[in-house]
Structures are given as C-alpha cells and as structure tokens.
Amino acid sequence: MGWLIAMFDLPVMTEAQRKAAARFRNDLLEHGFLMIQFSVYARPCVNFEQLSKHMATIQKFVPAAGNVRLLFVTDQQWAKSITIIGPNYNQGNRAIDPKVPNQIEFWD
C-alpha cells in the first residue's frame, strides 16, 4: 500500500496551454487523485499492478509540453510527512490531510 504522487510543471502562457493544463488536472481528479498543492496530486495505490496501471494512464494524457514526475511512497512514509500551513493561507479545495479512502482501508 502506498501513494502515487504526481508533480508537474505545465505551460499556461496561451489559451490552448491553459486548456491543456486544466484538462490534465481534471484527468488526474477523474482517476482518483487528490489535489495536495496546485501542481502536486496524489492517489492511494494498493499494489504495484495498480501503480503501474495509473502510471501508464498518466503517460497517455500528459500535455505535449508538460513536465511530470511520478513518485511512489509507501503508506508508512506518507504517514511520516507533515504539512505546515501559514495562518493566512487559503487552503481552497486542496486536500488538507488526505487519508486512505474507506474502501481500501482493509489493505493497511
């Protein structure tokens, strides 16, 4: 059990680039990712087969000018991470403290 983290830089200088970036973010959300920060998304993966599947899927919808880094961390490593948020930071719709979804908790 672990987390697949997608970190990315996408150009947004033109209307077409902004649309491609928005589509990429929406594709991540549709594939079960949670927004951790503006360009950092994560999703739980219960096994390496699922991890490989999601990595291959992301490769298919990365914008042509995109730079995406995928990182897998174990659930134990994820649990050791901390989030430091300034008192005036607007968290917006980002996941504050993502937990393993209930439907896969039995893999813990």
PDB file of N, CA and C in Angstrom:
ATOM      1  N   MET A   1       0.834  -1.179   0.000  1.00  0.00           N
ATOM      2  CA  MET A   1       0.000   0.000   0.000  1.00  0.00           C
ATOM      3  C   MET A   1       0.872   1.233   0.000  1.00  0.00           C
ATOM      4  N   GLY A   2       0.492   2.200  -0.813  1.00  0.00           N
ATOM      5  CA  GLY A   2       1.250   3.438  -0.846  1.00  0.00           C
ATOM      6  C   GLY A   2       0.513   4.509  -1.621  1.00  0.00           C
ATOM      7  N   TRP A   3       1.238   5.548  -1.931  1.00  0.00           N
ATOM      8  CA  TRP A   3       0.683   6.713  -2.614  1.00  0.00           C
ATOM      9  C   TRP A   3       1.495   7.023  -3.856  1.00  0.00           C
ATOM     10  N   LEU A   4       0.795   7.257  -4.958  1.00  0.00           N
ATOM     11  CA  LEU A   4       1.422   7.708  -6.192  1.00  0.00           C
ATOM     12  C   LEU A   4       1.265   9.216  -6.217  1.00  0.00           C
ATOM     13  N   ILE A   5       2.391   9.915  -6.278  1.00  0.00           N
ATOM     14  CA  ILE A   5       2.383  11.375  -6.269  1.00  0.00           C
ATOM     15  C   ILE A   5       2.756  11.859  -7.660  1.00  0.00           C
ATOM     16  N   ALA A   6       1.957  12.760  -8.201  1.00  0.00           N
ATOM     17  CA  ALA A   6       2.231  13.379  -9.498  1.00  0.00           C
ATOM     18  C   ALA A   6       2.562  14.849  -9.255  1.00  0.00           C
ATOM     19  N   MET A   7       3.771  15.238  -9.642  1.00  0.00           N
ATOM     20  CA  MET A   7       4.216  16.633  -9.515  1.00  0.00           C
ATOM     21  C   MET A   7       4.486  17.125 -10.926  1.00  0.00           C
ATOM     22  N   PHE A   8       4.058  18.333 -11.243  1.00  0.00           N
ATOM     23  CA  PHE A   8       4.178  18.732 -12.638  1.00  0.00           C
ATOM     24  C   PHE A   8       4.324  20.239 -12.820  1.00  0.00           C
ATOM     25  N   ASP A   9       4.942  20.584 -13.946  1.00  0.00           N
ATOM     26  CA  ASP A   9       5.007  21.944 -14.465  1.00  0.00           C
ATOM     27  C   ASP A   9       4.362  21.898 -15.838  1.00  0.00           C
ATOM     28  N   LEU A  10       3.387  22.748 -16.052  1.00  0.00           N
ATOM     29  CA  LEU A  10       2.708  22.821 -17.336  1.00  0.00           C
ATOM     30  C   LEU A  10       2.688  24.271 -17.794  1.00  0.00           C
ATOM     31  N   PRO A  11       2.992  24.514 -19.052  1.00  0.00           N
ATOM     32  CA  PRO A  11       2.953  25.896 -19.536  1.00  0.00           C
ATOM     33  C   PRO A  11       1.507  26.408 -19.577  1.00  0.00           C
ATOM     34  N   VAL A  12       1.335  27.682 -19.242  1.00  0.00           N
ATOM     35  CA  VAL A  12      -0.003  28.282 -19.242  1.00  0.00           C
ATOM     36  C   VAL A  12       0.025  29.691 -19.851  1.00  0.00           C
ATOM     37  N   MET A  13       0.907  29.902 -20.816  1.00  0.00           N
ATOM     38  CA  MET A  13       1.047  31.224 -21.421  1.00  0.00           C
ATOM     39  C   MET A  13      -0.031  31.513 -22.464  1.00  0.00           C
ATOM     40  N   THR A  14      -0.524  30.505 -23.139  1.00  0.00           N
ATOM     41  CA  THR A  14      -1.548  30.705 -24.162  1.00  0.00           C
ATOM     42  C   THR A  14      -2.860  30.074 -23.712  1.00  0.00           C
ATOM     43  N   GLU A  15      -3.933  30.435 -24.374  1.00  0.00           N
ATOM     44  CA  GLU A  15      -5.245  29.858 -24.070  1.00  0.00           C
ATOM     45  C   GLU A  15      -5.228  28.337 -24.251  1.00  0.00           C
ATOM     46  N   ALA A  16      -4.594  27.881 -25.338  1.00  0.00           N
ATOM     47  CA  ALA A  16      -4.522  26.439 -25.595  1.00  0.00           C
ATOM     48  C   ALA A  16      -3.746  25.724 -24.493  1.00  0.00           C
ATOM     49  N   GLN A  17      -2.662  26.327 -24.006  1.00  0.00           N
ATOM     50  CA  GLN A  17      -1.875  25.721 -22.929  1.00  0.00           C
ATOM     51  C   GLN A  17      -2.674  25.691 -21.632  1.00  0.00           C
ATOM     52  N   ARG A  18      -3.426  26.747 -21.353  1.00  0.00           N
ATOM     53  CA  ARG A  18      -4.246  26.772 -20.134  1.00  0.00           C
ATOM     54  C   ARG A  18      -5.325  25.692 -20.188  1.00  0.00           C
ATOM     55  N   LYS A  19      -5.913  25.504 -21.354  1.00  0.00           N
ATOM     56  CA  LYS A  19      -6.922  24.451 -21.505  1.00  0.00           C
ATOM     57  C   LYS A  19      -6.307  23.072 -21.331  1.00  0.00           C
ATOM     58  N   ALA A  20      -5.108  22.870 -21.896  1.00  0.00           N
ATOM     59  CA  ALA A  20      -4.428  21.572 -21.744  1.00  0.00           C
ATOM     60  C   ALA A  20      -4.079  21.317 -20.277  1.00  0.00           C
ATOM     61  N   ALA A  21      -3.633  22.351 -19.570  1.00  0.00           N
ATOM     62  CA  ALA A  21      -3.299  22.206 -18.151  1.00  0.00           C
ATOM     63  C   ALA A  21      -4.546  21.878 -17.333  1.00  0.00           C
ATOM     64  N   ALA A  22      -5.650  22.568 -17.622  1.00  0.00           N
ATOM     65  CA  ALA A  22      -6.906  22.302 -16.905  1.00  0.00           C
ATOM     66  C   ALA A  22      -7.395  20.886 -17.187  1.00  0.00           C
ATOM     67  N   ARG A  23      -7.287  20.460 -18.429  1.00  0.00           N
ATOM     68  CA  ARG A  23      -7.705  19.097 -18.783  1.00  0.00           C
ATOM     69  C   ARG A  23      -6.852  18.066 -18.030  1.00  0.00           C
ATOM     70  N   PHE A  24      -5.532  18.300 -17.943  1.00  0.00           N
ATOM     71  CA  PHE A  24      -4.646  17.375 -17.231  1.00  0.00           C
ATOM     72  C   PHE A  24      -5.050  17.275 -15.765  1.00  0.00           C
ATOM     73  N   ARG A  25      -5.284  18.414 -15.126  1.00  0.00           N
ATOM     74  CA  ARG A  25      -5.702  18.404 -13.716  1.00  0.00           C
ATOM     75  C   ARG A  25      -7.034  17.664 -13.544  1.00  0.00           C
ATOM     76  N   ASN A  26      -7.972  17.922 -14.433  1.00  0.00           N
ATOM     77  CA  ASN A  26      -9.261  17.227 -14.357  1.00  0.00           C
ATOM     78  C   ASN A  26      -9.108  15.734 -14.594  1.00  0.00           C
ATOM     79  N   ASP A  27      -8.231  15.347 -15.517  1.00  0.00           N
ATOM     80  CA  ASP A  27      -7.977  13.920 -15.745  1.00  0.00           C
ATOM     81  C   ASP A  27      -7.425  13.259 -14.488  1.00  0.00           C
ATOM     82  N   LEU A  28      -6.514  13.956 -13.795  1.00  0.00           N
ATOM     83  CA  LEU A  28      -5.987  13.399 -12.544  1.00  0.00           C
ATOM     84  C   LEU A  28      -7.114  13.201 -11.532  1.00  0.00           C
ATOM     85  N   LEU A  29      -7.973  14.195 -11.381  1.00  0.00           N
ATOM     86  CA  LEU A  29      -9.086  14.084 -10.436  1.00  0.00           C
ATOM     87  C   LEU A  29     -10.020  12.938 -10.815  1.00  0.00           C
ATOM     88  N   GLU A  30     -10.291  12.796 -12.109  1.00  0.00           N
ATOM     89  CA  GLU A  30     -11.168  11.712 -12.567  1.00  0.00           C
ATOM     90  C   GLU A  30     -10.559  10.335 -12.337  1.00  0.00           C
ATOM     91  N   HIS A  31      -9.241  10.262 -12.212  1.00  0.00           N
ATOM     92  CA  HIS A  31      -8.568   8.984 -11.966  1.00  0.00           C
ATOM     93  C   HIS A  31      -8.235   8.795 -10.489  1.00  0.00           C
ATOM     94  N   GLY A  32      -8.942   9.516  -9.625  1.00  0.00           N
ATOM     95  CA  GLY A  32      -8.831   9.272  -8.188  1.00  0.00           C
ATOM     96  C   GLY A  32      -7.745  10.025  -7.466  1.00  0.00           C
ATOM     97  N   PHE A  33      -7.115  11.002  -8.110  1.00  0.00           N
ATOM     98  CA  PHE A  33      -6.080  11.788  -7.444  1.00  0.00           C
ATOM     99  C   PHE A  33      -6.718  12.888  -6.609  1.00  0.00           C
ATOM    100  N   LEU A  34      -6.043  13.287  -5.557  1.00  0.00           N
ATOM    101  CA  LEU A  34      -6.449  14.395  -4.700  1.00  0.00           C
ATOM    102  C   LEU A  34      -5.447  15.521  -4.900  1.00  0.00           C
ATOM    103  N   MET A  35      -5.924  16.759  -4.968  1.00  0.00           N
ATOM    104  CA  MET A  35      -5.003  17.881  -5.093  1.00  0.00           C
ATOM    105  C   MET A  35      -4.378  18.168  -3.735  1.00  0.00           C
ATOM    106  N   ILE A  36      -3.065  18.031  -3.637  1.00  0.00           N
ATOM    107  CA  ILE A  36      -2.333  18.294  -2.413  1.00  0.00           C
ATOM    108  C   ILE A  36      -1.860  19.749  -2.409  1.00  0.00           C
ATOM    109  N   GLN A  37      -1.293  20.181  -3.538  1.00  0.00           N
ATOM    110  CA  GLN A  37      -0.913  21.561  -3.786  1.00  0.00           C
ATOM    111  C   GLN A  37      -1.267  21.846  -5.235  1.00  0.00           C
ATOM    112  N   PHE A  38      -1.077  23.070  -5.696  1.00  0.00           N
ATOM    113  CA  PHE A  38      -1.514  23.424  -7.038  1.00  0.00           C
ATOM    114  C   PHE A  38      -0.966  22.492  -8.113  1.00  0.00           C
ATOM    115  N   SER A  39       0.263  22.074  -8.025  1.00  0.00           N
ATOM    116  CA  SER A  39       0.838  21.186  -9.039  1.00  0.00           C
ATOM    117  C   SER A  39       1.323  19.869  -8.443  1.00  0.00           C
ATOM    118  N   VAL A  40       0.694  19.460  -7.352  1.00  0.00           N
ATOM    119  CA  VAL A  40       1.035  18.192  -6.705  1.00  0.00           C
ATOM    120  C   VAL A  40      -0.269  17.464  -6.378  1.00  0.00           C
ATOM    121  N   TYR A  41      -0.431  16.293  -6.963  1.00  0.00           N
ATOM    122  CA  TYR A  41      -1.624  15.479  -6.749  1.00  0.00           C
ATOM    123  C   TYR A  41      -1.173  14.100  -6.275  1.00  0.00           C
ATOM    124  N   ALA A  42      -2.007  13.416  -5.512  1.00  0.00           N
ATOM    125  CA  ALA A  42      -1.655  12.084  -5.010  1.00  0.00           C
ATOM    126  C   ALA A  42      -2.891  11.199  -4.989  1.00  0.00           C
ATOM    127  N   ARG A  43      -2.637   9.892  -5.106  1.00  0.00           N
ATOM    128  CA  ARG A  43      -3.734   8.915  -5.006  1.00  0.00           C
ATOM    129  C   ARG A  43      -3.185   7.660  -4.351  1.00  0.00           C
ATOM    130  N   PRO A  44      -4.021   6.987  -3.561  1.00  0.00           N
ATOM    131  CA  PRO A  44      -3.578   5.726  -2.965  1.00  0.00           C
ATOM    132  C   PRO A  44      -3.524   4.623  -4.015  1.00  0.00           C
ATOM    133  N   CYS A  45      -2.573   3.729  -3.845  1.00  0.00           N
ATOM    134  CA  CYS A  45      -2.450   2.538  -4.697  1.00  0.00           C
ATOM    135  C   CYS A  45      -2.239   1.345  -3.765  1.00  0.00           C
ATOM    136  N   VAL A  46      -3.045   0.310  -3.948  1.00  0.00           N
ATOM    137  CA  VAL A  46      -2.982  -0.819  -3.025  1.00  0.00           C
ATOM    138  C   VAL A  46      -1.951  -1.871  -3.419  1.00  0.00           C
ATOM    139  N   ASN A  47      -1.492  -1.837  -4.662  1.00  0.00           N
ATOM    140  CA  ASN A  47      -0.487  -2.814  -5.082  1.00  0.00           C
ATOM    141  C   ASN A  47       0.282  -2.274  -6.282  1.00  0.00           C
ATOM    142  N   PHE A  48       1.350  -2.974  -6.665  1.00  0.00           N
ATOM    143  CA  PHE A  48       2.193  -2.486  -7.755  1.00  0.00           C
ATOM    144  C   PHE A  48       1.513  -2.608  -9.114  1.00  0.00           C
ATOM    145  N   GLU A  49       0.577  -3.519  -9.255  1.00  0.00           N
ATOM    146  CA  GLU A  49      -0.174  -3.629 -10.508  1.00  0.00           C
ATOM    147  C   GLU A  49      -1.014  -2.363 -10.721  1.00  0.00           C
ATOM    148  N   GLN A  50      -1.679  -1.922  -9.670  1.00  0.00           N
ATOM    149  CA  GLN A  50      -2.473  -0.700  -9.752  1.00  0.00           C
ATOM    150  C   GLN A  50      -1.568   0.508  -9.997  1.00  0.00           C
ATOM    151  N   LEU A  51      -0.421   0.540  -9.340  1.00  0.00           N
ATOM    152  CA  LEU A  51       0.550   1.610  -9.532  1.00  0.00           C
ATOM    153  C   LEU A  51       0.968   1.690 -10.997  1.00  0.00           C
ATOM    154  N   SER A  52       1.327   0.567 -11.579  1.00  0.00           N
ATOM    155  CA  SER A  52       1.746   0.528 -12.982  1.00  0.00           C
ATOM    156  C   SER A  52       0.635   0.989 -13.908  1.00  0.00           C
ATOM    157  N   LYS A  53      -0.584   0.584 -13.611  1.00  0.00           N
ATOM    158  CA  LYS A  53      -1.737   0.980 -14.431  1.00  0.00           C
ATOM    159  C   LYS A  53      -1.914   2.493 -14.424  1.00  0.00           C
ATOM    160  N   HIS A  54      -1.847   3.101 -13.260  1.00  0.00           N
ATOM    161  CA  HIS A  54      -2.046   4.546 -13.165  1.00  0.00           C
ATOM    162  C   HIS A  54      -0.879   5.313 -13.787  1.00  0.00           C
ATOM    163  N   MET A  55       0.315   4.804 -13.655  1.00  0.00           N
ATOM    164  CA  MET A  55       1.460   5.457 -14.293  1.00  0.00           C
ATOM    165  C   MET A  55       1.309   5.441 -15.812  1.00  0.00           C
ATOM    166  N   ALA A  56       0.884   4.327 -16.366  1.00  0.00           N
ATOM    167  CA  ALA A  56       0.686   4.221 -17.810  1.00  0.00           C
ATOM    168  C   ALA A  56      -0.437   5.130 -18.278  1.00  0.00           C
ATOM    169  N   THR A  57      -1.489   5.238 -17.484  1.00  0.00           N
ATOM    170  CA  THR A  57      -2.616   6.098 -17.837  1.00  0.00           C
ATOM    171  C   THR A  57      -2.184   7.564 -17.891  1.00  0.00           C
ATOM    172  N   ILE A  58      -1.422   7.994 -16.893  1.00  0.00           N
ATOM    173  CA  ILE A  58      -0.960   9.383 -16.861  1.00  0.00           C
ATOM    174  C   ILE A  58      -0.083   9.687 -18.078  1.00  0.00           C
ATOM    175  N   GLN A  59       0.762   8.740 -18.473  1.00  0.00           N
ATOM    176  CA  GLN A  59       1.616   8.951 -19.641  1.00  0.00           C
ATOM    177  C   GLN A  59       0.788   9.247 -20.882  1.00  0.00           C
ATOM    178  N   LYS A  60      -0.410   8.699 -20.956  1.00  0.00           N
ATOM    179  CA  LYS A  60      -1.261   8.887 -22.134  1.00  0.00           C
ATOM    180  C   LYS A  60      -1.866  10.284 -22.207  1.00  0.00           C
ATOM    181  N   PHE A  61      -2.112  10.939 -21.060  1.00  0.00           N
ATOM    182  CA  PHE A  61      -2.774  12.238 -21.130  1.00  0.00           C
ATOM    183  C   PHE A  61      -1.926  13.429 -20.688  1.00  0.00           C
ATOM    184  N   VAL A  62      -0.607  13.252 -20.577  1.00  0.00           N
ATOM    185  CA  VAL A  62       0.274  14.377 -20.270  1.00  0.00           C
ATOM    186  C   VAL A  62       0.312  15.320 -21.477  1.00  0.00           C
ATOM    187  N   PRO A  63       0.126  16.627 -21.261  1.00  0.00           N
ATOM    188  CA  PRO A  63       0.225  17.564 -22.385  1.00  0.00           C
ATOM    189  C   PRO A  63       1.610  17.490 -23.039  1.00  0.00           C
ATOM    190  N   ALA A  64       1.657  17.761 -24.323  1.00  0.00           N
ATOM    191  CA  ALA A  64       2.907  17.635 -25.092  1.00  0.00           C
ATOM    192  C   ALA A  64       4.038  18.463 -24.491  1.00  0.00           C
ATOM    193  N   ALA A  65       3.734  19.635 -23.937  1.00  0.00           N
ATOM    194  CA  ALA A  65       4.775  20.494 -23.374  1.00  0.00           C
ATOM    195  C   ALA A  65       4.885  20.340 -21.855  1.00  0.00           C
ATOM    196  N   GLY A  66       4.289  19.286 -21.307  1.00  0.00           N
ATOM    197  CA  GLY A  66       4.280  19.095 -19.860  1.00  0.00           C
ATOM    198  C   GLY A  66       5.533  18.416 -19.334  1.00  0.00           C
ATOM    199  N   ASN A  67       5.826  18.675 -18.070  1.00  0.00           N
ATOM    200  CA  ASN A  67       6.923  18.046 -17.348  1.00  0.00           C
ATOM    201  C   ASN A  67       6.301  17.440 -16.090  1.00  0.00           C
ATOM    202  N   VAL A  68       6.210  16.104 -16.052  1.00  0.00           N
ATOM    203  CA  VAL A  68       5.534  15.410 -14.951  1.00  0.00           C
ATOM    204  C   VAL A  68       6.496  14.430 -14.303  1.00  0.00           C
ATOM    205  N   ARG A  69       6.543  14.454 -12.988  1.00  0.00           N
ATOM    206  CA  ARG A  69       7.355  13.498 -12.232  1.00  0.00           C
ATOM    207  C   ARG A  69       6.408  12.680 -11.365  1.00  0.00           C
ATOM    208  N   LEU A  70       6.518  11.360 -11.450  1.00  0.00           N
ATOM    209  CA  LEU A  70       5.701  10.458 -10.637  1.00  0.00           C
ATOM    210  C   LEU A  70       6.594   9.828  -9.578  1.00  0.00           C
ATOM    211  N   LEU A  71       6.106   9.800  -8.364  1.00  0.00           N
ATOM    212  CA  LEU A  71       6.855   9.263  -7.241  1.00  0.00           C
ATOM    213  C   LEU A  71       5.935   8.371  -6.429  1.00  0.00           C
ATOM    214  N   PHE A  72       6.410   7.205  -6.041  1.00  0.00           N
ATOM    215  CA  PHE A  72       5.639   6.302  -5.188  1.00  0.00           C
ATOM    216  C   PHE A  72       6.264   6.298  -3.800  1.00  0.00           C
ATOM    217  N   VAL A  73       5.429   6.512  -2.788  1.00  0.00           N
ATOM    218  CA  VAL A  73       5.890   6.400  -1.402  1.00  0.00           C
ATOM    219  C   VAL A  73       4.974   5.413  -0.690  1.00  0.00           C
ATOM    220  N   THR A  74       5.542   4.677   0.233  1.00  0.00           N
ATOM    221  CA  THR A  74       4.739   3.724   0.983  1.00  0.00           C
ATOM    222  C   THR A  74       3.804   4.472   1.924  1.00  0.00           C
ATOM    223  N   ASP A  75       2.783   3.787   2.387  1.00  0.00           N
ATOM    224  CA  ASP A  75       1.845   4.394   3.320  1.00  0.00           C
ATOM    225  C   ASP A  75       2.566   4.823   4.598  1.00  0.00           C
ATOM    226  N   GLN A  76       3.550   4.042   4.996  1.00  0.00           N
ATOM    227  CA  GLN A  76       4.321   4.367   6.197  1.00  0.00           C
ATOM    228  C   GLN A  76       5.122   5.659   5.988  1.00  0.00           C
ATOM    229  N   GLN A  77       5.731   5.823   4.809  1.00  0.00           N
ATOM    230  CA  GLN A  77       6.460   7.056   4.511  1.00  0.00           C
ATOM    231  C   GLN A  77       5.503   8.243   4.458  1.00  0.00           C
ATOM    232  N   TRP A  78       4.341   8.051   3.821  1.00  0.00           N
ATOM    233  CA  TRP A  78       3.338   9.108   3.716  1.00  0.00           C
ATOM    234  C   TRP A  78       2.909   9.567   5.110  1.00  0.00           C
ATOM    235  N   ALA A  79       2.711   8.626   6.010  1.00  0.00           N
ATOM    236  CA  ALA A  79       2.263   8.954   7.365  1.00  0.00           C
ATOM    237  C   ALA A  79       3.287   9.790   8.125  1.00  0.00           C
ATOM    238  N   LYS A  80       4.555   9.700   7.736  1.00  0.00           N
ATOM    239  CA  LYS A  80       5.605  10.472   8.410  1.00  0.00           C
ATOM    240  C   LYS A  80       5.746  11.885   7.857  1.00  0.00           C
ATOM    241  N   SER A  81       5.025  12.200   6.792  1.00  0.00           N
ATOM    242  CA  SER A  81       5.120  13.547   6.232  1.00  0.00           C
ATOM    243  C   SER A  81       4.312  14.517   7.094  1.00  0.00           C
ATOM    244  N   ILE A  82       4.697  15.766   7.054  1.00  0.00           N
ATOM    245  CA  ILE A  82       3.963  16.791   7.788  1.00  0.00           C
ATOM    246  C   ILE A  82       3.613  17.922   6.815  1.00  0.00           C
ATOM    247  N   THR A  83       2.562  18.619   7.127  1.00  0.00           N
ATOM    248  CA  THR A  83       2.146  19.773   6.344  1.00  0.00           C
ATOM    249  C   THR A  83       2.179  20.981   7.253  1.00  0.00           C
ATOM    250  N   ILE A  84       2.858  22.019   6.798  1.00  0.00           N
ATOM    251  CA  ILE A  84       2.936  23.260   7.563  1.00  0.00           C
ATOM    252  C   ILE A  84       2.228  24.325   6.735  1.00  0.00           C
ATOM    253  N   ILE A  85       1.168  24.881   7.289  1.00  0.00           N
ATOM    254  CA  ILE A  85       0.367  25.873   6.575  1.00  0.00           C
ATOM    255  C   ILE A  85       0.361  27.160   7.386  1.00  0.00           C
ATOM    256  N   GLY A  86       0.715  28.257   6.723  1.00  0.00           N
ATOM    257  CA  GLY A  86       0.698  29.559   7.379  1.00  0.00           C
ATOM    258  C   GLY A  86      -0.707  29.944   7.813  1.00  0.00           C
ATOM    259  N   PRO A  87      -0.829  30.773   8.827  1.00  0.00           N
ATOM    260  CA  PRO A  87      -2.149  31.115   9.381  1.00  0.00           C
ATOM    261  C   PRO A  87      -3.060  31.856   8.403  1.00  0.00           C
ATOM    262  N   ASN A  88      -2.510  32.512   7.403  1.00  0.00           N
ATOM    263  CA  ASN A  88      -3.331  33.258   6.458  1.00  0.00           C
ATOM    264  C   ASN A  88      -3.424  32.586   5.096  1.00  0.00           C
ATOM    265  N   TYR A  89      -2.996  31.334   4.991  1.00  0.00           N
ATOM    266  CA  TYR A  89      -3.009  30.634   3.707  1.00  0.00           C
ATOM    267  C   TYR A  89      -4.404  30.084   3.428  1.00  0.00           C
ATOM    268  N   ASN A  90      -4.933  30.386   2.264  1.00  0.00           N
ATOM    269  CA  ASN A  90      -6.254  29.894   1.865  1.00  0.00           C
ATOM    270  C   ASN A  90      -6.093  28.492   1.280  1.00  0.00           C
ATOM    271  N   GLN A  91      -6.530  27.491   1.992  1.00  0.00           N
ATOM    272  CA  GLN A  91      -6.365  26.101   1.575  1.00  0.00           C
ATOM    273  C   GLN A  91      -7.189  25.772   0.334  1.00  0.00           C
ATOM    274  N   GLY A  92      -8.268  26.493   0.107  1.00  0.00           N
ATOM    275  CA  GLY A  92      -9.081  26.263  -1.081  1.00  0.00           C
ATOM    276  C   GLY A  92      -9.620  24.838  -1.112  1.00  0.00           C
ATOM    277  N   ASN A  93      -9.557  24.189  -2.281  1.00  0.00           N
ATOM    278  CA  ASN A  93     -10.098  22.829  -2.412  1.00  0.00           C
ATOM    279  C   ASN A  93      -9.010  21.760  -2.370  1.00  0.00           C
ATOM    280  N   ARG A  94      -7.851  22.097  -1.835  1.00  0.00           N
ATOM    281  CA  ARG A  94      -6.795  21.108  -1.709  1.00  0.00           C
ATOM    282  C   ARG A  94      -7.065  20.197  -0.517  1.00  0.00           C
ATOM    283  N   ALA A  95      -6.588  18.972  -0.610  1.00  0.00           N
ATOM    284  CA  ALA A  95      -6.769  18.008   0.478  1.00  0.00           C
ATOM    285  C   ALA A  95      -5.883  18.422   1.652  1.00  0.00           C
ATOM    286  N   ILE A  96      -6.488  18.646   2.803  1.00  0.00           N
ATOM    287  CA  ILE A  96      -5.731  19.112   3.966  1.00  0.00           C
ATOM    288  C   ILE A  96      -4.903  17.985   4.560  1.00  0.00           C
ATOM    289  N   ASP A  97      -5.500  16.858   4.808  1.00  0.00           N
ATOM    290  CA  ASP A  97      -4.792  15.715   5.386  1.00  0.00           C
ATOM    291  C   ASP A  97      -5.367  14.452   4.767  1.00  0.00           C
ATOM    292  N   PRO A  98      -4.976  14.144   3.510  1.00  0.00           N
ATOM    293  CA  PRO A  98      -5.609  13.010   2.836  1.00  0.00           C
ATOM    294  C   PRO A  98      -5.378  11.701   3.569  1.00  0.00           C
ATOM    295  N   LYS A  99      -6.428  10.955   3.715  1.00  0.00           N
ATOM    296  CA  LYS A  99      -6.394   9.633   4.348  1.00  0.00           C
ATOM    297  C   LYS A  99      -6.705   8.580   3.298  1.00  0.00           C
ATOM    298  N   VAL A 100      -6.349   7.360   3.596  1.00  0.00           N
ATOM    299  CA  VAL A 100      -6.689   6.258   2.708  1.00  0.00           C
ATOM    300  C   VAL A 100      -8.207   6.151   2.649  1.00  0.00           C
ATOM    301  N   PRO A 101      -8.808   6.138   1.471  1.00  0.00           N
ATOM    302  CA  PRO A 101     -10.258   6.012   1.368  1.00  0.00           C
ATOM    303  C   PRO A 101     -10.767   4.742   2.050  1.00  0.00           C
ATOM    304  N   ASN A 102     -11.963   4.812   2.613  1.00  0.00           N
ATOM    305  CA  ASN A 102     -12.533   3.696   3.363  1.00  0.00           C
ATOM    306  C   ASN A 102     -12.568   2.389   2.586  1.00  0.00           C
ATOM    307  N   GLN A 103     -12.832   2.445   1.275  1.00  0.00           N
ATOM    308  CA  GLN A 103     -12.982   1.215   0.511  1.00  0.00           C
ATOM    309  C   GLN A 103     -11.690   0.421   0.389  1.00  0.00           C
ATOM    310  N   ILE A 104     -10.523   1.018   0.720  1.00  0.00           N
ATOM    311  CA  ILE A 104      -9.289   0.236   0.619  1.00  0.00           C
ATOM    312  C   ILE A 104      -8.541   0.164   1.952  1.00  0.00           C
ATOM    313  N   GLU A 105      -9.169   0.590   3.031  1.00  0.00           N
ATOM    314  CA  GLU A 105      -8.506   0.560   4.329  1.00  0.00           C
ATOM    315  C   GLU A 105      -8.109  -0.846   4.762  1.00  0.00           C
ATOM    316  N   PHE A 106      -8.840  -1.845   4.293  1.00  0.00           N
ATOM    317  CA  PHE A 106      -8.520  -3.199   4.721  1.00  0.00           C
ATOM    318  C   PHE A 106      -7.162  -3.660   4.224  1.00  0.00           C
ATOM    319  N   TRP A 107      -6.529  -2.932   3.316  1.00  0.00           N
ATOM    320  CA  TRP A 107      -5.172  -3.285   2.824  1.00  0.00           C
ATOM    321  C   TRP A 107      -4.087  -2.789   3.740  1.00  0.00           C
ATOM    322  N   ASP A 108      -4.424  -1.997   4.732  1.00  0.00           N
ATOM    323  CA  ASP A 108      -3.428  -1.432   5.647  1.00  0.00           C
ATOM    324  C   ASP A 108      -2.636  -2.488   6.369  1.00  0.00           C
TER     325      ASP A 108
END
